[in-house]
Amino acid sequence: MHAPEKAMIEGLLQPSHLLIILVVALFIFGPKKLPELGQGLGKGIRSFRDSMKAATEEPEKIETPAAQAGDSNTQNKS
């Protein structure tokens, strides 16, 4: 990464910038809709983390539908 790009990314997460983003979101979505959006975002992130954790813990147990259909076809022929 180039130095200007790195400085720009680091500057985006400063507390003053996050406060400005929050105020803009409050104006756009309103005070009633903002908690619902936050809750939905939180559930989505939690679901993503859980699915990634499950995928890394037990990758051998996950089978594709094509592999399952192929297994059942070979069992029926025997």
Protein backbone atom coordinates (compact mmCIF):
# COMPACT_ATOMS: atom_id res chain seq x y z
CA MET A 1 0.00 0.00 0.00
CA HIS A 2 1.25 3.49 -0.75
CA ALA A 3 1.82 5.94 2.09
CA PRO A 4 -1.07 8.33 1.16
CA GLU A 5 -3.57 5.43 0.97
CA LYS A 6 -2.43 4.08 4.34
CA ALA A 7 -2.77 7.50 5.99
CA MET A 8 -6.25 7.92 4.50
CA ILE A 9 -7.44 4.56 5.83
CA GLU A 10 -6.01 5.23 9.29
CA GLY A 11 -7.70 8.63 9.39
CA LEU A 12 -11.17 7.24 8.66
CA LEU A 13 -11.49 5.49 12.01
CA GLN A 14 -10.84 8.50 14.22
CA PRO A 15 -13.56 9.22 16.81
CA SER A 16 -14.47 12.57 15.26
CA HIS A 17 -15.04 10.93 11.85
CA LEU A 18 -17.13 8.15 13.37
CA LEU A 19 -19.26 10.77 15.14
CA ILE A 20 -19.86 12.59 11.85
CA ILE A 21 -20.85 9.30 10.16
CA LEU A 22 -23.28 8.58 13.02
CA VAL A 23 -24.88 12.03 12.73
CA VAL A 24 -25.28 11.66 8.95
CA ALA A 25 -26.84 8.21 9.41
CA LEU A 26 -29.20 9.67 12.02
CA PHE A 27 -30.36 12.35 9.57
CA ILE A 28 -30.80 9.86 6.72
CA PHE A 29 -32.58 7.04 8.56
CA GLY A 30 -34.15 8.84 11.51
CA PRO A 31 -34.08 8.02 15.21
CA LYS A 32 -36.69 5.24 15.00
CA LYS A 33 -35.06 3.27 12.16
CA LEU A 34 -31.44 3.52 13.35
CA PRO A 35 -31.72 0.96 16.22
CA GLU A 36 -33.42 -1.52 13.86
CA LEU A 37 -30.58 -1.11 11.35
CA GLY A 38 -27.98 -1.60 14.07
CA GLN A 39 -29.74 -4.71 15.34
CA GLY A 40 -29.94 -6.18 11.84
CA LEU A 41 -26.27 -5.41 11.21
CA GLY A 42 -25.31 -7.03 14.51
CA LYS A 43 -27.31 -10.19 13.72
CA GLY A 44 -25.74 -10.39 10.28
CA ILE A 45 -22.20 -10.06 11.64
CA ARG A 46 -22.92 -12.63 14.37
CA SER A 47 -24.33 -15.08 11.83
CA PHE A 48 -21.32 -14.58 9.57
CA ARG A 49 -18.89 -15.20 12.45
CA ASP A 50 -20.76 -18.34 13.52
CA SER A 51 -20.78 -19.75 10.00
CA MET A 52 -17.07 -19.00 9.52
CA LYS A 53 -16.28 -20.61 12.87
CA ALA A 54 -18.30 -23.72 11.96
CA ALA A 55 -16.61 -23.93 8.56
CA THR A 56 -13.11 -23.79 10.04
CA GLU A 57 -13.86 -26.25 12.86
CA GLU A 58 -15.41 -29.07 10.83
CA PRO A 59 -14.63 -28.75 7.11
CA GLU A 60 -14.75 -32.52 6.47
CA LYS A 61 -18.41 -32.84 7.51
CA ILE A 62 -19.68 -30.43 4.83
CA GLU A 63 -20.72 -32.20 1.62
CA THR A 64 -21.99 -30.68 -1.59
CA PRO A 65 -25.40 -31.78 -2.92
CA ALA A 66 -23.71 -33.19 -6.06
CA ALA A 67 -21.44 -35.38 -3.94
CA GLN A 68 -24.43 -36.66 -1.96
CA ALA A 69 -26.36 -37.48 -5.15
CA GLY A 70 -23.32 -39.29 -6.57
CA ASP A 71 -23.00 -41.39 -3.41
CA SER A 72 -26.64 -42.43 -3.48
CA ASN A 73 -26.40 -43.44 -7.16
CA THR A 74 -23.43 -45.71 -6.49
CA GLN A 75 -25.18 -47.31 -3.52
CA ASN A 76 -28.29 -48.14 -5.55
CA LYS A 77 -26.28 -49.94 -8.26
CA SER A 78 -24.62 -52.40 -5.83
